[in-house]
């Protein structure tokens, strides 16, 4: 039993090291992109816009986490920032998918809620997801800029982004490490946004 426990512990240590190495591999590429994204989101809030967040599959939980941080405050309590996560309302998502088309589950919400000057924040490990492509096209129709937090491989999303948009493309193949870095990225963004808007008060 002791040998088995030792093997398991060594495997845990190896997983921690792999996670650290993945983050170090991505840091130089991501640092300026995260800073630019924080500026975009901060300016959106300062201009009285709101941020709409969506995520495909398990990336939806990352979008939810960022929404919670923006509303509650990242490390310290402060006034809430206006944002909404569009992948959390299962009744609305199911109704749109059933009555219209699954690819419209975010687009219809963006058409209903989005206004010029808002920002759409997309989280995905699948850079060619049709539902996200539809959402981004709808955002553009509403004069809404887009930030896409994506994976290593260029997909359909990259091809439809405009010069006003920003893609934070994480240069990692592993889905697990990609999701870890996505989560770290939104933590960085929330910290930078809080600092820029609330300064020393947070």
Protein backbone atom coordinates (compact mmCIF):
# COMPACT_ATOMS: atom_id res chain seq x y z
CA UNK A 1 0.00 0.00 0.00
CA UNK A 2 2.86 2.37 0.80
CA UNK A 3 4.42 1.81 -2.64
CA UNK A 4 1.07 2.54 -4.28
CA UNK A 5 0.67 5.75 -2.28
CA UNK A 6 4.19 6.80 -3.28
CA UNK A 7 3.40 6.20 -6.96
CA UNK A 8 0.25 8.25 -6.70
CA UNK A 9 2.06 11.08 -4.97
CA UNK A 10 4.76 11.11 -7.64
CA UNK A 11 2.07 11.28 -10.31
CA UNK A 12 0.49 14.27 -8.57
CA UNK A 13 3.88 16.00 -8.42
CA UNK A 14 4.39 15.32 -12.13
CA UNK A 15 0.98 16.82 -12.93
CA UNK A 16 1.82 19.97 -10.97
CA UNK A 17 5.10 20.31 -12.86
CA UNK A 18 3.36 19.82 -16.22
CA UNK A 19 0.85 22.52 -15.31
CA UNK A 20 3.61 24.95 -14.35
CA UNK A 21 5.55 24.21 -17.53
CA UNK A 22 2.45 24.81 -19.67
CA UNK A 23 1.88 28.20 -18.05
CA UNK A 24 5.53 29.19 -18.44
CA UNK A 25 5.39 28.16 -22.10
CA UNK A 26 2.41 30.47 -22.69
CA UNK A 27 3.40 33.47 -20.58
CA UNK A 28 5.31 35.50 -23.19
CA UNK A 29 2.58 35.12 -25.81
CA UNK A 30 -0.33 35.81 -23.46
CA UNK A 31 0.97 38.69 -21.34
CA UNK A 32 0.45 41.53 -23.88
CA UNK A 33 -2.85 40.04 -25.06
CA UNK A 34 -4.24 39.83 -21.52
CA UNK A 35 -3.18 43.43 -20.87
CA UNK A 36 -4.90 44.59 -24.09
CA UNK A 37 -8.05 42.63 -23.23
CA UNK A 38 -8.15 44.18 -19.75
CA UNK A 39 -7.94 47.64 -21.37
CA UNK A 40 -10.82 46.79 -23.75
CA UNK A 41 -13.08 45.53 -20.97
CA UNK A 42 -12.21 48.42 -18.67
CA UNK A 43 -13.01 50.95 -21.39
CA UNK A 44 -16.31 49.21 -22.09
CA UNK A 45 -17.32 49.62 -18.45
CA UNK A 46 -16.10 53.22 -18.27
CA UNK A 47 -18.19 54.01 -21.37
CA UNK A 48 -21.30 52.57 -19.63
CA UNK A 49 -21.30 49.39 -21.67
CA UNK A 50 -21.79 45.87 -20.41
CA UNK A 51 -19.98 42.60 -21.03
CA UNK A 52 -21.83 39.52 -22.26
CA UNK A 53 -20.00 36.24 -21.70
CA UNK A 54 -20.45 32.87 -23.40
CA UNK A 55 -18.58 29.59 -23.36
CA UNK A 56 -18.95 26.40 -25.34
CA UNK A 57 -19.16 23.11 -23.45
CA UNK A 58 -17.15 23.03 -20.24
CA UNK A 59 -15.77 26.47 -21.12
CA UNK A 60 -19.14 27.77 -20.01
CA UNK A 61 -18.01 27.34 -16.41
CA UNK A 62 -15.05 29.65 -17.06
CA UNK A 63 -17.43 32.26 -18.45
CA UNK A 64 -19.57 31.87 -15.32
CA UNK A 65 -16.53 32.28 -13.07
CA UNK A 66 -15.53 35.51 -14.78
CA UNK A 67 -19.10 36.83 -14.54
CA UNK A 68 -19.17 36.14 -10.82
CA UNK A 69 -15.82 37.88 -10.31
CA UNK A 70 -16.92 40.96 -12.24
CA UNK A 71 -20.14 41.26 -10.28
CA UNK A 72 -18.78 40.39 -6.83
CA UNK A 73 -15.22 41.71 -7.07
CA UNK A 74 -12.11 39.66 -7.61
CA UNK A 75 -10.25 39.64 -4.30
CA UNK A 76 -12.14 42.35 -2.43
CA UNK A 77 -15.68 43.62 -2.38
CA UNK A 78 -16.37 46.67 -4.53
CA UNK A 79 -19.24 48.03 -6.67
CA UNK A 80 -20.55 45.50 -9.18
CA UNK A 81 -19.67 45.75 -12.86
CA UNK A 82 -22.44 45.17 -15.46
CA UNK A 83 -22.13 41.78 -17.11
CA UNK A 84 -24.22 38.75 -17.90
CA UNK A 85 -23.35 35.14 -18.71
CA UNK A 86 -25.56 33.89 -21.55
CA UNK A 87 -24.90 30.16 -21.11
CA UNK A 88 -26.49 29.78 -17.65
CA UNK A 89 -30.24 29.96 -18.36
CA UNK A 90 -31.07 26.36 -19.29
CA UNK A 91 -34.76 27.13 -19.94
CA UNK A 92 -33.97 29.91 -22.43
CA UNK A 93 -31.22 27.87 -24.11
CA UNK A 94 -33.49 24.83 -24.42
CA UNK A 95 -36.41 26.86 -25.75
CA UNK A 96 -34.30 28.55 -28.42
CA UNK A 97 -32.71 25.25 -29.45
CA UNK A 98 -36.10 23.54 -29.62
CA UNK A 99 -38.14 26.27 -31.29
CA UNK A 100 -35.50 27.85 -33.51
CA UNK A 101 -32.03 26.44 -34.09
CA UNK A 102 -29.30 25.39 -31.67
CA UNK A 103 -26.82 27.67 -33.42
CA UNK A 104 -29.03 30.60 -32.37
CA UNK A 105 -28.94 29.94 -28.59
CA UNK A 106 -26.55 32.85 -28.02
CA UNK A 107 -27.35 34.93 -31.10
CA UNK A 108 -30.98 35.49 -30.10
CA UNK A 109 -29.93 36.60 -26.62
CA UNK A 110 -27.33 38.98 -28.05
CA UNK A 111 -29.91 40.49 -30.40
CA UNK A 112 -32.26 40.98 -27.45
CA UNK A 113 -29.79 42.27 -24.88
CA UNK A 114 -26.80 43.66 -26.75
CA UNK A 115 -26.29 47.30 -27.61
CA UNK A 116 -23.62 49.20 -29.50
CA UNK A 117 -20.65 49.72 -27.20
CA UNK A 118 -21.13 46.47 -25.32
CA UNK A 119 -18.53 43.72 -25.47
CA UNK A 120 -18.88 39.98 -26.11
CA UNK A 121 -16.38 37.73 -24.29
CA UNK A 122 -16.13 34.22 -25.76
CA UNK A 123 -14.38 31.29 -24.07
CA UNK A 124 -13.76 28.14 -26.09
CA UNK A 125 -11.42 25.22 -26.66
CA UNK A 126 -13.12 24.66 -30.04
CA UNK A 127 -12.26 27.59 -32.28
CA UNK A 128 -14.68 26.46 -35.00
CA UNK A 129 -17.86 26.04 -32.94
CA UNK A 130 -20.81 27.07 -35.19
CA UNK A 131 -22.84 28.40 -32.25
CA UNK A 132 -20.00 30.74 -31.30
CA UNK A 133 -19.43 31.81 -34.90
CA UNK A 134 -23.13 32.76 -35.11
CA UNK A 135 -22.84 34.66 -31.83
CA UNK A 136 -19.82 36.65 -32.99
CA UNK A 137 -21.46 37.55 -36.31
CA UNK A 138 -24.53 38.76 -34.43
CA UNK A 139 -22.35 40.83 -32.11
CA UNK A 140 -20.74 42.50 -35.12
CA UNK A 141 -24.19 43.26 -36.54
CA UNK A 142 -24.97 45.06 -33.26
CA UNK A 143 -21.67 47.03 -33.30
CA UNK A 144 -20.36 44.95 -30.38
CA UNK A 145 -16.64 44.16 -30.17
CA UNK A 146 -15.46 40.66 -29.32
CA UNK A 147 -12.72 39.14 -27.18
CA UNK A 148 -12.17 35.44 -27.87
CA UNK A 149 -10.23 33.33 -25.36
CA UNK A 150 -9.37 30.32 -27.48
CA UNK A 151 -7.02 27.39 -28.04
CA UNK A 152 -3.88 26.83 -30.04
CA UNK A 153 -5.38 26.01 -33.42
CA UNK A 154 -6.74 28.74 -35.66
CA UNK A 155 -10.37 28.08 -36.53
CA UNK A 156 -13.44 29.73 -37.99
CA UNK A 157 -13.62 32.19 -35.10
CA UNK A 158 -10.26 33.75 -35.96
CA UNK A 159 -11.31 34.23 -39.57
CA UNK A 160 -14.34 36.39 -38.69
CA UNK A 161 -12.77 38.62 -36.05
CA UNK A 162 -12.34 42.27 -37.03
CA UNK A 163 -9.50 44.71 -36.23
CA UNK A 164 -11.62 46.00 -33.34
CA UNK A 165 -11.72 42.50 -31.82
CA UNK A 166 -9.04 40.58 -29.93
CA UNK A 167 -8.17 36.89 -29.78
CA UNK A 168 -6.27 35.53 -26.79
CA UNK A 169 -5.05 32.31 -28.38
CA UNK A 170 -3.40 30.01 -25.85
CA UNK A 171 -0.48 28.08 -27.46
CA UNK A 172 -1.21 24.78 -25.71
CA UNK A 173 -2.42 21.46 -27.16
CA UNK A 174 -3.54 19.75 -23.94
CA UNK A 175 -7.23 20.44 -23.28
CA UNK A 176 -6.65 20.17 -19.53
CA UNK A 177 -3.80 22.69 -19.44
CA UNK A 178 -5.69 24.89 -21.90
CA UNK A 179 -8.63 25.10 -19.50
CA UNK A 180 -6.25 25.78 -16.58
CA UNK A 181 -4.70 28.69 -18.45
CA UNK A 182 -8.11 29.99 -19.48
CA UNK A 183 -9.05 30.14 -15.81
CA UNK A 184 -5.79 31.86 -14.88
CA UNK A 185 -6.34 34.32 -17.73
CA UNK A 186 -9.74 35.39 -16.44
CA UNK A 187 -8.28 35.80 -12.95
CA UNK A 188 -5.59 38.08 -14.42
CA UNK A 189 -8.22 40.04 -16.32
CA UNK A 190 -10.40 40.54 -13.26
CA UNK A 191 -7.42 41.71 -11.21
CA UNK A 192 -6.35 44.21 -13.89
CA UNK A 193 -9.88 45.50 -14.43
CA UNK A 194 -10.37 46.07 -10.70
CA UNK A 195 -7.05 47.91 -10.47
CA UNK A 196 -7.83 50.16 -13.42
CA UNK A 197 -11.37 51.06 -12.37
CA UNK A 198 -11.11 51.09 -8.59
CA UNK A 199 -7.38 51.66 -8.08
CA UNK A 200 -6.18 51.49 -4.51
CA UNK A 201 -9.70 50.88 -3.23
CA UNK A 202 -9.45 47.16 -3.99
